[in-house]
Amino acid sequence: MPLLSEEARENETVQALVQLLRTRSYEEIRQRMYDNPPGSAWWSACKTELDIRNGEQMAAALSATSRVLERLRASTEHFEQLADTLYHTTSEIAAQMRSAKDASRRLEIAVYVTIGITLVQLFNLVFEVFRKR
């Protein structure tokens, strides 16, 4: 029984030291930890406080990472939508280019036909002029 009471007293001491260390800097806590032998009340309190702070930092980092991952997911979805829109727009432009190419081919043929008809008319006119003389 006295051993249990002694452990309880030591735990209370460690908890009180942890509360005392709450306002101290990392450097001061580390220095106190290294100045005291492992297993001592000060060493245990310093170790506990450092573990608590590291756990808090880990939780904050995980929370920040989660927020960043959510933003990345949203950005990825947005980029996928943009890529899809770009693909459809590019397909439409390619179709327009094909239709413009077809139209230009038809226009080229129409110009050749017009030039041919004009030449035939010109030769016919020349022929008529020389025939009347």
Protein backbone atom coordinates (compact mmCIF):
# COMPACT_ATOMS: atom_id res chain seq x y z
CA MET A 1 0.00 0.00 0.00
CA PRO A 2 2.75 2.50 0.76
CA LEU A 3 4.15 1.83 -2.75
CA LEU A 4 0.81 2.81 -4.31
CA SER A 5 0.67 6.00 -2.27
CA GLU A 6 4.21 6.82 -3.27
CA GLU A 7 3.37 6.29 -6.96
CA ALA A 8 0.27 8.45 -6.61
CA ARG A 9 2.32 11.17 -4.95
CA GLU A 10 4.93 10.95 -7.72
CA ASN A 11 2.17 11.15 -10.38
CA GLU A 12 0.75 14.23 -8.67
CA THR A 13 4.22 15.76 -8.62
CA VAL A 14 4.68 15.02 -12.33
CA GLN A 15 1.26 16.50 -13.13
CA ALA A 16 2.07 19.64 -11.12
CA LEU A 17 5.40 19.96 -12.94
CA VAL A 18 3.64 19.48 -16.28
CA GLN A 19 1.30 22.36 -15.40
CA LEU A 20 4.35 24.45 -14.48
CA LEU A 21 5.99 23.62 -17.81
CA ARG A 22 2.93 24.64 -19.86
CA THR A 23 4.16 28.23 -20.06
CA ARG A 24 7.82 27.37 -20.73
CA SER A 25 9.58 27.30 -24.10
CA TYR A 26 10.65 24.15 -25.90
CA GLU A 27 14.29 24.98 -25.32
CA GLU A 28 13.83 25.37 -21.58
CA ILE A 29 11.86 22.13 -21.33
CA ARG A 30 14.45 20.22 -23.35
CA GLN A 31 17.25 21.67 -21.24
CA ARG A 32 15.50 20.64 -17.99
CA MET A 33 14.88 17.19 -19.44
CA TYR A 34 18.55 16.73 -20.33
CA ASP A 35 19.67 18.14 -16.96
CA ASN A 36 17.68 15.51 -15.03
CA PRO A 37 18.22 11.76 -15.09
CA PRO A 38 15.69 9.59 -16.99
CA GLY A 39 12.89 8.44 -14.76
CA SER A 40 13.03 11.43 -12.42
CA ALA A 41 9.94 13.55 -11.83
CA TRP A 42 11.35 16.48 -13.80
CA TRP A 43 12.39 14.22 -16.70
CA SER A 44 8.93 12.57 -16.78
CA ALA A 45 7.17 15.95 -16.63
CA CYS A 46 9.34 17.34 -19.45
CA LYS A 47 8.77 14.22 -21.54
CA THR A 48 5.02 14.40 -20.93
CA GLU A 49 4.84 18.09 -21.83
CA LEU A 50 6.89 17.58 -24.99
CA ASP A 51 4.66 14.64 -25.96
CA ILE A 52 1.55 16.77 -25.39
CA ARG A 53 2.93 19.63 -27.49
CA ASN A 54 4.06 17.27 -30.24
CA GLY A 55 0.61 15.67 -30.24
CA GLU A 56 -1.06 19.09 -30.52
CA GLN A 57 1.25 20.03 -33.38
CA MET A 58 0.56 16.71 -35.08
CA ALA A 59 -3.19 17.25 -34.75
CA ALA A 60 -2.89 20.77 -36.17
CA ALA A 61 -0.73 19.48 -39.04
CA LEU A 62 -3.22 16.71 -39.81
CA SER A 63 -6.07 19.21 -39.80
CA ALA A 64 -4.17 21.55 -42.12
CA THR A 65 -3.26 18.62 -44.37
CA SER A 66 -6.91 17.60 -44.50
CA ARG A 67 -7.92 21.11 -45.56
CA VAL A 68 -5.20 21.21 -48.21
CA LEU A 69 -6.24 17.80 -49.53
CA GLU A 70 -9.85 18.98 -49.75
CA ARG A 71 -8.73 22.04 -51.72
CA LEU A 72 -6.60 19.84 -53.96
CA ARG A 73 -9.57 17.56 -54.58
CA ALA A 74 -11.74 20.55 -55.48
CA SER A 75 -9.00 21.93 -57.74
CA THR A 76 -8.62 18.56 -59.42
CA GLU A 77 -12.34 18.38 -60.10
CA HIS A 78 -12.25 21.92 -61.46
CA PHE A 79 -9.29 21.08 -63.73
CA GLU A 80 -11.13 17.96 -64.93
CA GLN A 81 -14.12 20.13 -65.83
CA LEU A 82 -11.85 22.60 -67.60
CA ALA A 83 -10.13 19.79 -69.49
CA ASP A 84 -13.51 18.38 -70.51
CA THR A 85 -14.66 21.82 -71.69
CA LEU A 86 -11.39 22.30 -73.56
CA TYR A 87 -11.78 18.90 -75.22
CA HIS A 88 -15.33 19.67 -76.36
CA THR A 89 -14.36 23.15 -77.55
CA THR A 90 -11.38 21.75 -79.44
CA SER A 91 -13.62 19.12 -81.04
CA GLU A 92 -16.09 21.82 -82.09
CA ILE A 93 -13.29 23.96 -83.52
CA ALA A 94 -11.91 20.95 -85.41
CA ALA A 95 -15.39 20.29 -86.84
CA GLN A 96 -15.67 23.97 -87.83
CA MET A 97 -12.24 23.79 -89.46
CA ARG A 98 -13.28 20.69 -91.43
CA SER A 99 -16.47 22.41 -92.56
CA ALA A 100 -14.47 25.55 -93.45
CA LYS A 101 -12.06 23.37 -95.42
CA ASP A 102 -14.98 21.76 -97.27
CA ALA A 103 -16.52 25.18 -97.91
CA SER A 104 -13.21 26.54 -99.19
CA ARG A 105 -12.90 23.52 -101.49
CA ARG A 106 -16.40 24.20 -102.86
CA LEU A 107 -15.56 27.90 -103.24
CA GLU A 108 -12.38 26.99 -105.10
CA ILE A 109 -14.37 24.80 -107.48
CA ALA A 110 -16.95 27.57 -107.94
CA VAL A 111 -14.17 30.06 -108.74
CA TYR A 112 -12.68 27.65 -111.32
CA VAL A 113 -16.10 27.15 -112.87
CA THR A 114 -16.69 30.92 -112.95
CA ILE A 115 -13.29 31.50 -114.57
CA GLY A 116 -14.01 28.73 -117.07
CA ILE A 117 -17.42 30.16 -117.95
CA THR A 118 -15.90 33.65 -118.23
CA LEU A 119 -13.22 32.36 -120.59
CA VAL A 120 -15.79 30.52 -122.69
CA GLN A 121 -17.92 33.68 -122.86
CA LEU A 122 -14.85 35.75 -123.76
CA PHE A 123 -13.87 33.35 -126.56
CA ASN A 124 -17.47 33.31 -127.74
CA LEU A 125 -17.50 37.13 -127.78
CA VAL A 126 -14.20 37.24 -129.68
CA PHE A 127 -15.49 34.62 -132.11
CA GLU A 128 -18.68 36.65 -132.70
CA VAL A 129 -16.68 39.85 -133.25
CA PHE A 130 -14.39 38.17 -135.80
CA ARG A 131 -17.30 36.39 -137.48
CA LYS A 132 -19.09 39.68 -138.21
CA ARG A 133 -16.01 41.15 -139.90
